[in-house]
Amino acid sequence: MVRIKVRLGAKGQLVIPKVIRESLGLTENKFIILELKDKTLELKGVDENIPDKWELIAKREGLDVTESLVYGDKLYEQVFS
C-alpha cells in the first residue's frame, strides 16, 4: 500500500502524484473512475477495452447490447470489480 498526503488546489483540484499515476498507468487525457464509498474516495484506472468487456459480458448474460443501459449496473460491477 502507498499512502501520500496531498493538498487540494484553490478550485478543489487534486494533483495525482507521479508514483500513483505510474502504478495505475495513467497518462494525459486518460479517464479514471472516482468512487465514493463510506466517506472514502477510491481512484481506479480505466481499462481502454471497456466497451469490448461490456459486450462480452452482455452476450454471456444473454443481453442485447443495443438495449438501453438497464443492465449497466450489473455490467459495471463485473467490469470494474
C-alpha atoms as a PDB file:
ATOM      1  CA  MET A   1       0.000   0.000   0.000  1.00  0.00           C
ATOM      2  CA  VAL A   2       1.150   3.509  -0.792  1.00  0.00           C
ATOM      3  CA  ARG A   3      -0.139   6.432   1.272  1.00  0.00           C
ATOM      4  CA  ILE A   4       0.663  10.013   0.225  1.00  0.00           C
ATOM      5  CA  LYS A   5      -0.650  13.245   1.686  1.00  0.00           C
ATOM      6  CA  VAL A   6      -1.653  15.797  -0.989  1.00  0.00           C
ATOM      7  CA  ARG A   7      -3.202  19.256  -0.878  1.00  0.00           C
ATOM      8  CA  LEU A   8      -6.235  20.354  -2.861  1.00  0.00           C
ATOM      9  CA  GLY A   9      -5.805  23.384  -5.086  1.00  0.00           C
ATOM     10  CA  ALA A  10      -7.884  26.556  -4.860  1.00  0.00           C
ATOM     11  CA  LYS A  11     -10.543  25.140  -7.215  1.00  0.00           C
ATOM     12  CA  GLY A  12     -10.662  21.757  -5.473  1.00  0.00           C
ATOM     13  CA  GLN A  13      -8.261  20.255  -7.979  1.00  0.00           C
ATOM     14  CA  LEU A  14      -6.161  17.300  -6.961  1.00  0.00           C
ATOM     15  CA  VAL A  15      -2.767  16.516  -8.431  1.00  0.00           C
ATOM     16  CA  ILE A  16      -2.195  12.767  -8.504  1.00  0.00           C
ATOM     17  CA  PRO A  17       1.434  12.109  -7.548  1.00  0.00           C
ATOM     18  CA  LYS A  18       3.658  10.582 -10.228  1.00  0.00           C
ATOM     19  CA  VAL A  19       4.172   7.291  -8.344  1.00  0.00           C
ATOM     20  CA  ILE A  20       0.382   6.774  -8.226  1.00  0.00           C
ATOM     21  CA  ARG A  21      -0.130   7.765 -11.879  1.00  0.00           C
ATOM     22  CA  GLU A  22       2.594   5.374 -12.973  1.00  0.00           C
ATOM     23  CA  SER A  23       1.283   2.482 -10.880  1.00  0.00           C
ATOM     24  CA  LEU A  24      -2.184   2.916 -12.429  1.00  0.00           C
ATOM     25  CA  GLY A  25      -0.834   3.503 -15.935  1.00  0.00           C
ATOM     26  CA  LEU A  26      -2.397   6.962 -16.084  1.00  0.00           C
ATOM     27  CA  THR A  27      -1.258   9.348 -18.777  1.00  0.00           C
ATOM     28  CA  GLU A  28      -2.562  12.635 -20.119  1.00  0.00           C
ATOM     29  CA  ASN A  29      -6.160  12.511 -21.408  1.00  0.00           C
ATOM     30  CA  LYS A  30      -6.858   9.043 -19.945  1.00  0.00           C
ATOM     31  CA  PHE A  31     -10.008   8.563 -17.910  1.00  0.00           C
ATOM     32  CA  ILE A  32     -10.197   7.377 -14.324  1.00  0.00           C
ATOM     33  CA  ILE A  33     -13.071   6.296 -12.120  1.00  0.00           C
ATOM     34  CA  LEU A  34     -13.623   8.083  -8.805  1.00  0.00           C
ATOM     35  CA  GLU A  35     -15.822   6.118  -6.449  1.00  0.00           C
ATOM     36  CA  LEU A  36     -17.047   7.315  -3.067  1.00  0.00           C
ATOM     37  CA  LYS A  37     -17.567   4.531  -0.503  1.00  0.00           C
ATOM     38  CA  ASP A  38     -18.262   5.238   3.160  1.00  0.00           C
ATOM     39  CA  LYS A  39     -16.555   8.656   3.011  1.00  0.00           C
ATOM     40  CA  THR A  40     -13.513   7.138   1.283  1.00  0.00           C
ATOM     41  CA  LEU A  41     -12.550   8.136  -2.231  1.00  0.00           C
ATOM     42  CA  GLU A  42     -11.328   5.290  -4.411  1.00  0.00           C
ATOM     43  CA  LEU A  43      -9.482   6.014  -7.641  1.00  0.00           C
ATOM     44  CA  LYS A  44      -9.347   3.389 -10.381  1.00  0.00           C
ATOM     45  CA  GLY A  45      -7.640   3.348 -13.730  1.00  0.00           C
ATOM     46  CA  VAL A  46      -9.966   2.668 -16.644  1.00  0.00           C
ATOM     47  CA  ASP A  47      -9.216  -0.187 -18.993  1.00  0.00           C
ATOM     48  CA  GLU A  48      -9.364   1.092 -22.555  1.00  0.00           C
ATOM     49  CA  ASN A  49     -11.190  -2.071 -23.658  1.00  0.00           C
ATOM     50  CA  ILE A  50     -14.278  -1.478 -21.525  1.00  0.00           C
ATOM     51  CA  PRO A  51     -16.762  -1.495 -24.455  1.00  0.00           C
ATOM     52  CA  ASP A  52     -15.368  -4.869 -25.541  1.00  0.00           C
ATOM     53  CA  LYS A  53     -15.630  -6.241 -21.993  1.00  0.00           C
ATOM     54  CA  TRP A  54     -19.208  -4.952 -21.680  1.00  0.00           C
ATOM     55  CA  GLU A  55     -20.174  -6.589 -24.957  1.00  0.00           C
ATOM     56  CA  LEU A  56     -18.698  -9.949 -23.906  1.00  0.00           C
ATOM     57  CA  ILE A  57     -20.433  -9.843 -20.521  1.00  0.00           C
ATOM     58  CA  ALA A  58     -23.740  -8.790 -22.101  1.00  0.00           C
ATOM     59  CA  LYS A  59     -23.563 -11.662 -24.582  1.00  0.00           C
ATOM     60  CA  ARG A  60     -22.684 -14.121 -21.811  1.00  0.00           C
ATOM     61  CA  GLU A  61     -25.685 -12.888 -19.804  1.00  0.00           C
ATOM     62  CA  GLY A  62     -27.934 -13.135 -22.859  1.00  0.00           C
ATOM     63  CA  LEU A  63     -28.469  -9.383 -23.069  1.00  0.00           C
ATOM     64  CA  ASP A  64     -28.805  -7.336 -26.231  1.00  0.00           C
ATOM     65  CA  VAL A  65     -26.025  -4.739 -26.323  1.00  0.00           C
ATOM     66  CA  THR A  66     -28.299  -2.419 -28.298  1.00  0.00           C
ATOM     67  CA  GLU A  67     -30.723  -2.196 -25.343  1.00  0.00           C
ATOM     68  CA  SER A  68     -30.711   0.813 -23.071  1.00  0.00           C
ATOM     69  CA  LEU A  69     -28.371   0.723 -20.102  1.00  0.00           C
ATOM     70  CA  VAL A  70     -30.913  -1.043 -17.881  1.00  0.00           C
ATOM     71  CA  TYR A  71     -28.285  -3.692 -17.205  1.00  0.00           C
ATOM     72  CA  GLY A  72     -25.489  -1.134 -16.770  1.00  0.00           C
ATOM     73  CA  ASP A  73     -25.076  -1.600 -13.013  1.00  0.00           C
ATOM     74  CA  LYS A  74     -24.610  -5.358 -13.376  1.00  0.00           C
ATOM     75  CA  LEU A  75     -22.013  -4.871 -16.111  1.00  0.00           C
ATOM     76  CA  TYR A  76     -20.291  -2.104 -14.153  1.00  0.00           C
ATOM     77  CA  GLU A  77     -19.810  -4.430 -11.188  1.00  0.00           C
ATOM     78  CA  GLN A  78     -18.325  -7.162 -13.387  1.00  0.00           C
ATOM     79  CA  VAL A  79     -16.057  -4.869 -15.415  1.00  0.00           C
ATOM     80  CA  PHE A  80     -14.696  -2.820 -12.527  1.00  0.00           C
ATOM     81  CA  SER A  81     -14.542  -5.494  -9.833  1.00  0.00           C
END
